[in-house]
Amino acid sequence: MKKTTLSIVSILALSGLAFAGGDIAPVEPVVEEVVIEPSPFYLGFGIGDATVNNDTTGEEFSSTTYMFQAGYQYNTYIALEGRYNLGFNTDYDQGNTNGIAGGYKGDISNWGIYLKPMYPIGDFGVYALLGYGGVMLDDINGGDAYESGFQWGLGASYLLSEQVTVFVDYVVLYDDTGFDYVARTNDIDSDTWTAGLSYRF
């Protein structure tokens, strides 16, 4: 009788463990996904062309340019950006003037600080550049010719990744009467085209 009682108790205990074990789910480790957002700071480099043109006489200076870019993107729609264009391999067309003796041996350079409103359309984006900057013709008539003022431009970009963007834009560097050399009373305009790449850290 004792053996039968012990057997029944053992079966009940084991069946109780089986039911209890069925209610216990295995513990799975909690994995937290860490998303690293790109830094708002970015740097860029581009190559393009800058011109200074005398609309009155047709005299024109045209330099191939290297453009260096640094900026801070506050959010999806606005950034603050600084640029410097360094010219080289300049072509000179004297237009209807007597020209510069021996031709122009200098280059065009430009700097600018811009507010950059942006509007994304998927991976594409369009933007404007609105700011202040200066344009210089170096080594002209024994010195440097320099003017500064309001600058503006338009551009388009394509997002290759969260950090890398390619872009192309056009910026008006100067558009006014006169420039700091012999053409002080003529209508002068200056602009630049640039294609480049930006990297967000």
Protein backbone atom coordinates (compact mmCIF):
# COMPACT_ATOMS: atom_id res chain seq x y z
CA MET A 1 0.00 0.00 0.00
CA LYS A 2 2.87 2.36 0.80
CA LYS A 3 4.45 1.65 -2.57
CA THR A 4 1.20 2.42 -4.37
CA THR A 5 0.77 5.68 -2.45
CA LEU A 6 4.34 6.74 -3.17
CA SER A 7 3.88 5.94 -6.85
CA ILE A 8 0.72 8.03 -7.10
CA VAL A 9 2.40 10.95 -5.28
CA SER A 10 5.40 10.70 -7.59
CA ILE A 11 3.21 10.71 -10.72
CA LEU A 12 1.23 13.70 -9.47
CA ALA A 13 4.43 15.61 -8.62
CA LEU A 14 5.95 14.91 -12.02
CA SER A 15 2.77 15.85 -13.86
CA GLY A 16 2.62 19.07 -11.82
CA LEU A 17 6.17 19.87 -12.86
CA ALA A 18 5.30 19.15 -16.47
CA PHE A 19 2.35 21.56 -16.36
CA ALA A 20 4.42 24.18 -14.58
CA GLY A 21 7.23 23.77 -17.08
CA GLY A 22 4.80 24.27 -19.94
CA ASP A 23 3.91 27.71 -18.61
CA ILE A 24 7.51 28.97 -18.43
CA ALA A 25 8.73 30.70 -21.62
CA PRO A 26 12.45 30.92 -22.31
CA VAL A 27 13.98 34.28 -21.41
CA GLU A 28 15.28 36.10 -24.50
CA PRO A 29 17.92 38.83 -24.17
CA VAL A 30 16.72 42.36 -24.92
CA VAL A 31 18.70 43.86 -27.81
CA GLU A 32 18.56 47.63 -28.06
CA GLU A 33 19.17 49.01 -31.54
CA VAL A 34 21.48 52.01 -31.42
CA VAL A 35 21.03 54.44 -34.33
CA ILE A 36 23.95 56.81 -34.83
CA GLU A 37 22.79 60.03 -36.48
CA PRO A 38 25.28 61.88 -38.71
CA SER A 39 26.80 65.02 -37.21
CA PRO A 40 25.30 68.36 -38.30
CA PHE A 41 28.78 69.46 -39.39
CA TYR A 42 29.83 68.83 -42.98
CA LEU A 43 32.74 69.53 -45.32
CA GLY A 44 32.81 69.57 -49.09
CA PHE A 45 34.91 70.01 -52.17
CA GLY A 46 33.98 71.00 -55.71
CA ILE A 47 35.32 72.11 -59.05
CA GLY A 48 33.78 74.68 -61.34
CA ASP A 49 34.18 77.91 -63.25
CA ALA A 50 34.02 81.56 -62.16
CA THR A 51 33.75 84.61 -64.40
CA VAL A 52 33.97 88.39 -64.07
CA ASN A 53 32.37 90.07 -67.06
CA ASN A 54 32.24 93.71 -68.15
CA ASP A 55 28.80 93.98 -69.79
CA THR A 56 29.66 97.38 -71.29
CA THR A 57 32.88 96.45 -73.11
CA GLY A 58 32.71 92.64 -73.32
CA GLU A 59 35.95 92.26 -71.36
CA GLU A 60 35.83 88.91 -69.52
CA PHE A 61 37.92 86.97 -67.00
CA SER A 62 37.21 83.25 -66.56
CA SER A 63 38.92 80.92 -64.06
CA THR A 64 38.57 77.23 -63.35
CA THR A 65 37.98 77.00 -59.60
CA TYR A 66 38.47 74.66 -56.66
CA MET A 67 35.70 75.20 -54.10
CA PHE A 68 36.12 74.38 -50.40
CA GLN A 69 32.95 74.15 -48.28
CA ALA A 70 32.18 73.95 -44.55
CA GLY A 71 28.73 74.03 -43.01
CA TYR A 72 26.39 73.28 -40.13
CA GLN A 73 22.97 71.78 -40.88
CA TYR A 74 20.51 72.82 -38.17
CA ASN A 75 17.71 70.56 -39.43
CA THR A 76 16.27 69.10 -42.63
CA TYR A 77 15.44 72.54 -44.01
CA ILE A 78 18.19 75.00 -43.03
CA ALA A 79 21.97 75.19 -42.85
CA LEU A 80 24.70 77.80 -42.49
CA GLU A 81 27.52 77.41 -45.01
CA GLY A 82 30.87 79.01 -45.80
CA ARG A 83 32.71 78.69 -49.11
CA TYR A 84 36.01 79.65 -50.66
CA ASN A 85 36.71 79.46 -54.40
CA LEU A 86 40.33 79.41 -55.53
CA GLY A 87 40.83 80.12 -59.24
CA PHE A 88 43.50 78.88 -61.62
CA ASN A 89 44.09 78.52 -65.36
CA THR A 90 42.41 81.86 -66.14
CA ASP A 91 41.33 82.86 -69.64
CA TYR A 92 41.16 86.53 -70.58
CA ASP A 93 39.09 88.15 -73.36
CA GLN A 94 39.79 91.86 -73.81
CA GLY A 95 36.47 92.50 -75.55
CA ASN A 96 36.27 96.04 -76.97
CA THR A 97 39.01 97.39 -74.69
CA ASN A 98 42.72 97.87 -75.31
CA GLY A 99 43.25 94.89 -73.03
CA ILE A 100 45.85 94.31 -70.36
CA ALA A 101 49.45 94.57 -71.55
CA GLY A 102 50.82 91.05 -71.87
CA GLY A 103 47.42 89.53 -71.02
CA TYR A 104 45.99 88.78 -67.59
CA LYS A 105 48.26 86.58 -65.46
CA GLY A 106 46.17 86.53 -62.26
CA ASP A 107 43.15 84.50 -61.12
CA ILE A 108 39.65 84.94 -59.68
CA SER A 109 38.99 84.05 -56.05
CA ASN A 110 35.84 84.30 -53.96
CA TRP A 111 34.61 83.80 -50.41
CA GLY A 112 31.06 83.75 -49.07
CA ILE A 113 28.95 82.99 -46.00
CA TYR A 114 25.42 81.81 -46.78
CA LEU A 115 22.12 80.91 -45.20
CA LYS A 116 21.07 77.72 -47.01
CA PRO A 117 17.32 76.92 -47.08
CA MET A 118 16.74 73.37 -48.38
CA TYR A 119 13.76 71.29 -49.50
CA PRO A 120 14.19 67.48 -49.77
CA ILE A 121 12.26 65.39 -52.33
CA GLY A 122 13.18 61.81 -51.44
CA ASP A 123 16.91 61.41 -52.03
CA PHE A 124 16.91 64.54 -54.19
CA GLY A 125 16.90 68.08 -52.83
CA VAL A 126 16.84 71.67 -53.98
CA TYR A 127 18.34 74.60 -52.10
CA ALA A 128 19.15 78.30 -52.21
CA LEU A 129 22.23 80.19 -51.04
CA LEU A 130 21.68 83.69 -49.61
CA GLY A 131 24.53 85.61 -48.06
CA TYR A 132 27.47 87.96 -48.22
CA GLY A 133 30.87 87.56 -49.84
CA GLY A 134 33.71 89.05 -51.83
CA VAL A 135 35.26 88.58 -55.29
CA MET A 136 38.89 89.33 -56.16
CA LEU A 137 40.88 89.62 -59.38
CA ASP A 138 44.42 89.24 -58.13
CA ASP A 139 47.47 90.79 -59.77
CA ILE A 140 45.66 93.09 -62.17
CA ASN A 141 47.34 96.34 -63.24
CA GLY A 142 49.93 95.95 -60.49
CA GLY A 143 47.46 95.22 -57.68
CA ASP A 144 44.35 93.33 -56.65
CA ALA A 145 40.79 94.34 -57.57
CA TYR A 146 38.21 93.46 -54.90
CA GLU A 147 34.47 93.97 -54.38
CA SER A 148 32.05 92.54 -51.81
CA GLY A 149 28.30 92.46 -51.32
CA PHE A 150 25.14 90.35 -51.44
CA GLN A 151 25.49 86.96 -53.11
CA TRP A 152 22.78 84.43 -53.98
CA GLY A 153 22.45 81.10 -55.74
CA LEU A 154 20.39 77.99 -56.50
CA GLY A 155 21.37 74.34 -56.46
CA ALA A 156 20.30 70.70 -56.51
CA SER A 157 21.65 67.73 -54.57
CA TYR A 158 21.39 63.94 -54.43
CA LEU A 159 21.88 61.87 -51.27
CA LEU A 160 24.20 58.93 -51.95
CA SER A 161 24.08 57.86 -48.28
CA GLU A 162 23.25 59.39 -44.89
CA GLN A 163 26.66 61.05 -44.94
CA VAL A 164 27.56 61.67 -48.61
CA THR A 165 25.81 64.12 -50.95
CA VAL A 166 26.65 65.19 -54.49
CA PHE A 167 25.54 68.63 -55.68
CA VAL A 168 25.63 71.18 -58.47
CA ASP A 169 24.85 74.89 -58.09
CA TYR A 170 25.05 78.36 -59.57
CA VAL A 171 25.93 81.45 -57.49
CA VAL A 172 25.84 85.13 -58.45
CA LEU A 173 28.94 86.63 -56.83
CA TYR A 174 28.59 90.26 -57.94
CA ASP A 175 26.18 92.29 -60.08
CA ASP A 176 26.60 96.06 -59.91
CA THR A 177 28.05 99.13 -61.55
CA GLY A 178 31.81 99.34 -61.36
CA PHE A 179 34.55 97.15 -59.95
CA ASP A 180 37.72 98.03 -58.12
CA TYR A 181 39.88 98.49 -61.23
CA VAL A 182 39.68 100.55 -64.45
CA ALA A 183 36.04 99.62 -65.12
CA ARG A 184 34.68 101.65 -62.18
CA THR A 185 31.71 103.06 -64.11
CA ASN A 186 30.75 99.99 -66.17
CA ASP A 187 28.19 97.27 -65.48
CA ILE A 188 30.03 94.27 -64.04
CA ASP A 189 28.70 90.83 -63.16
CA SER A 190 30.41 87.80 -61.70
CA ASP A 191 29.12 84.27 -61.18
CA THR A 192 30.26 80.70 -60.65
CA TRP A 193 29.12 77.15 -61.45
CA THR A 194 30.22 74.33 -59.14
CA ALA A 195 29.81 70.53 -59.00
CA GLY A 196 30.98 68.77 -55.86
CA LEU A 197 30.58 66.39 -52.96
CA SER A 198 29.75 66.99 -49.28
CA TYR A 199 30.42 64.69 -46.32
CA ARG A 200 28.58 64.81 -42.97
CA PHE A 201 30.56 63.47 -40.02
